[in-house]
N, C-alpha and C. Protein backbone atom coordinates (compact mmCIF):
# COMPACT_ATOMS: atom_id res chain seq x y z
N MET A 1 0.60 -1.20 0.15
CA MET A 1 -0.18 -0.35 -0.11
C MET A 1 0.98 1.33 0.05
N SER A 2 0.39 2.37 -0.31
CA SER A 2 1.30 3.54 -0.03
C SER A 2 0.14 4.56 0.02
N MET A 3 0.34 5.93 0.49
CA MET A 3 -0.30 6.65 0.92
C MET A 3 -0.70 7.93 -0.38
N VAL A 4 -2.11 8.34 -0.46
CA VAL A 4 -2.46 9.52 -1.55
C VAL A 4 -2.63 10.86 -0.74
N ILE A 5 -2.65 11.64 -1.65
CA ILE A 5 -2.86 13.27 -1.40
C ILE A 5 -4.10 13.63 -1.77
N SER A 6 -5.08 14.18 -0.90
CA SER A 6 -6.47 14.30 -1.68
C SER A 6 -6.56 15.51 -2.19
N ASP A 7 -7.82 16.18 -2.63
CA ASP A 7 -7.75 17.46 -2.90
C ASP A 7 -7.72 18.55 -2.06
N GLU A 8 -7.71 18.29 -0.76
CA GLU A 8 -7.74 18.74 0.42
C GLU A 8 -6.47 19.41 0.53
N CYS A 9 -5.38 18.93 -0.14
CA CYS A 9 -4.01 19.39 -0.10
C CYS A 9 -3.74 21.05 -0.41
N ILE A 10 -3.16 21.71 0.52
CA ILE A 10 -2.88 22.98 0.36
C ILE A 10 -1.95 23.82 -0.23
N ALA A 11 -1.10 22.50 -0.82
CA ALA A 11 0.29 22.77 -1.49
C ALA A 11 1.39 23.84 -0.34
N CYS A 12 1.28 23.11 0.56
CA CYS A 12 2.43 23.84 1.83
C CYS A 12 3.97 23.29 1.63
N GLY A 13 3.97 22.17 1.01
CA GLY A 13 5.10 21.23 0.66
C GLY A 13 5.58 20.54 2.43
N ALA A 14 5.00 20.93 3.28
CA ALA A 14 5.54 20.37 4.45
C ALA A 14 5.94 18.65 4.43
N CYS A 15 4.71 18.14 3.77
CA CYS A 15 5.12 16.34 3.57
C CYS A 15 6.38 16.13 3.03
N GLU A 16 6.83 16.94 1.67
CA GLU A 16 7.61 16.52 0.73
C GLU A 16 9.02 16.54 1.28
N THR A 17 9.25 17.43 2.62
CA THR A 17 10.45 17.44 2.82
C THR A 17 10.56 16.36 3.89
N ASP A 18 9.78 15.89 4.53
CA ASP A 18 9.52 14.62 5.75
C ASP A 18 9.55 13.40 5.23
N CYS A 19 9.63 13.40 3.94
CA CYS A 19 9.53 11.75 2.99
C CYS A 19 11.03 11.38 3.28
N PRO A 20 11.28 10.06 3.99
CA PRO A 20 12.71 9.50 4.02
C PRO A 20 13.06 9.13 2.19
N VAL A 21 11.88 8.49 1.79
CA VAL A 21 12.43 7.99 0.23
C VAL A 21 12.34 8.99 -0.91
N ASN A 22 11.76 10.37 -0.83
CA ASN A 22 11.65 11.15 -1.93
C ASN A 22 10.42 10.59 -2.74
N ALA A 23 9.44 10.22 -2.13
CA ALA A 23 8.20 10.02 -2.90
C ALA A 23 6.90 11.32 -2.93
N ILE A 24 7.34 12.05 -2.60
CA ILE A 24 6.53 13.26 -2.55
C ILE A 24 7.33 14.44 -3.40
N SER A 25 6.17 14.56 -4.71
CA SER A 25 6.72 15.89 -5.29
C SER A 25 5.66 16.68 -5.68
N GLU A 26 6.00 17.98 -6.00
CA GLU A 26 4.94 18.91 -6.15
C GLU A 26 4.21 18.49 -7.83
N GLY A 27 2.94 18.79 -7.48
CA GLY A 27 2.33 18.42 -9.12
C GLY A 27 1.82 20.03 -9.76
N ASP A 28 1.00 19.85 -10.39
CA ASP A 28 0.52 21.10 -10.96
C ASP A 28 -0.36 21.81 -9.85
N THR A 29 -1.00 21.29 -9.18
CA THR A 29 -1.88 22.42 -8.11
C THR A 29 -1.91 21.68 -6.97
N GLN A 30 -1.23 20.44 -6.76
CA GLN A 30 -1.07 20.35 -5.65
C GLN A 30 0.24 19.13 -4.99
N PHE A 31 0.43 18.71 -4.06
CA PHE A 31 1.40 17.71 -3.85
C PHE A 31 1.22 15.96 -4.27
N GLU A 32 1.91 15.62 -4.70
CA GLU A 32 1.61 13.99 -5.47
C GLU A 32 2.62 13.06 -4.78
N ILE A 33 2.28 11.72 -4.56
CA ILE A 33 2.82 10.86 -4.02
C ILE A 33 3.17 9.66 -5.07
N ASP A 34 4.56 9.47 -5.33
CA ASP A 34 4.67 8.55 -6.42
C ASP A 34 4.29 6.90 -5.56
N THR A 35 3.09 6.34 -6.01
CA THR A 35 2.87 5.20 -4.99
C THR A 35 4.04 3.94 -5.32
N ASP A 36 4.71 3.94 -6.31
CA ASP A 36 5.76 2.56 -6.54
C ASP A 36 7.17 3.19 -5.75
N LYS A 37 7.08 4.65 -4.99
CA LYS A 37 8.16 4.54 -4.50
C LYS A 37 7.91 4.71 -2.80
N CYS A 38 6.31 4.94 -2.41
CA CYS A 38 5.84 5.25 -1.10
C CYS A 38 6.05 3.93 -0.36
N ILE A 39 6.86 3.85 1.00
CA ILE A 39 6.76 2.91 1.60
C ILE A 39 6.11 2.72 3.12
N GLU A 40 5.30 4.15 2.99
CA GLU A 40 4.59 4.45 4.39
C GLU A 40 5.59 4.36 5.66
N CYS A 41 6.66 4.90 5.32
CA CYS A 41 7.79 5.24 6.08
C CYS A 41 8.14 3.82 6.89
N GLU A 42 7.89 2.38 6.39
CA GLU A 42 8.19 1.39 7.18
C GLU A 42 10.11 1.30 7.11
N GLY A 43 10.27 0.80 8.23
CA GLY A 43 11.94 0.95 8.58
C GLY A 43 12.25 2.22 8.91
N TYR A 44 11.55 3.40 8.77
CA TYR A 44 12.40 4.62 9.31
C TYR A 44 11.23 5.35 10.32
N PHE A 45 10.28 5.18 10.48
CA PHE A 45 9.27 5.77 11.42
C PHE A 45 8.19 4.72 11.85
N ASP A 46 7.38 4.92 12.88
CA ASP A 46 6.39 4.21 13.31
C ASP A 46 5.04 4.71 12.39
N SER A 47 5.09 5.64 12.04
CA SER A 47 3.92 6.17 11.24
C SER A 47 4.60 6.93 10.14
N PRO A 48 3.49 6.91 8.96
CA PRO A 48 3.92 8.00 8.09
C PRO A 48 4.02 9.07 8.21
N GLN A 49 5.35 9.92 7.81
CA GLN A 49 5.42 11.07 8.41
C GLN A 49 5.08 12.45 7.50
N CYS A 50 4.34 11.89 6.35
CA CYS A 50 3.24 12.85 5.96
C CYS A 50 2.38 13.26 6.31
N VAL A 51 1.39 11.83 6.80
CA VAL A 51 0.27 12.08 7.70
C VAL A 51 0.53 12.82 8.84
N ASP A 52 1.68 13.04 9.62
CA ASP A 52 2.05 13.31 10.65
C ASP A 52 2.10 14.92 10.58
N VAL A 53 3.11 15.51 9.52
CA VAL A 53 3.00 16.89 9.74
C VAL A 53 1.95 17.53 8.37
N CYS A 54 1.06 16.91 7.92
CA CYS A 54 -0.07 17.80 7.00
C CYS A 54 -1.00 18.60 7.87
N PRO A 55 -0.90 19.63 7.51
CA PRO A 55 -1.75 20.75 8.33
C PRO A 55 -3.12 20.53 7.94
N SER A 56 -3.62 19.95 6.50
CA SER A 56 -4.87 19.90 6.22
C SER A 56 -5.56 18.44 6.05
N ASP A 57 -4.77 17.55 6.67
CA ASP A 57 -5.11 16.52 6.77
C ASP A 57 -5.57 15.77 5.59
N ALA A 58 -5.05 15.90 4.55
CA ALA A 58 -5.43 15.68 3.16
C ALA A 58 -4.30 14.41 2.31
N ILE A 59 -3.80 13.74 3.62
CA ILE A 59 -2.89 12.41 3.09
C ILE A 59 -3.79 11.27 4.17
N SER A 60 -3.87 10.21 3.10
CA SER A 60 -4.50 8.78 3.60
C SER A 60 -3.88 7.64 2.85
N LYS A 61 -4.16 6.73 3.63
CA LYS A 61 -3.98 5.21 2.83
C LYS A 61 -4.45 5.27 1.56
N ALA A 62 -3.87 4.38 0.45
CA ALA A 62 -4.80 4.68 -0.94
C ALA A 62 -5.65 3.54 -0.55
């Protein structure tokens, strides 16, 4: 599984810098998660860091 970013994204960029595998990048109108790269922070953290730092609660499991 991987995480996904919904339309609630405010394009603040907080999630991009916290991703340990660089799976998050800026899209046309919001940030996007590369589902092939996303590992939900397994082996790095106890929970997905993008979810923890997102101020608009726009990130959830796919």
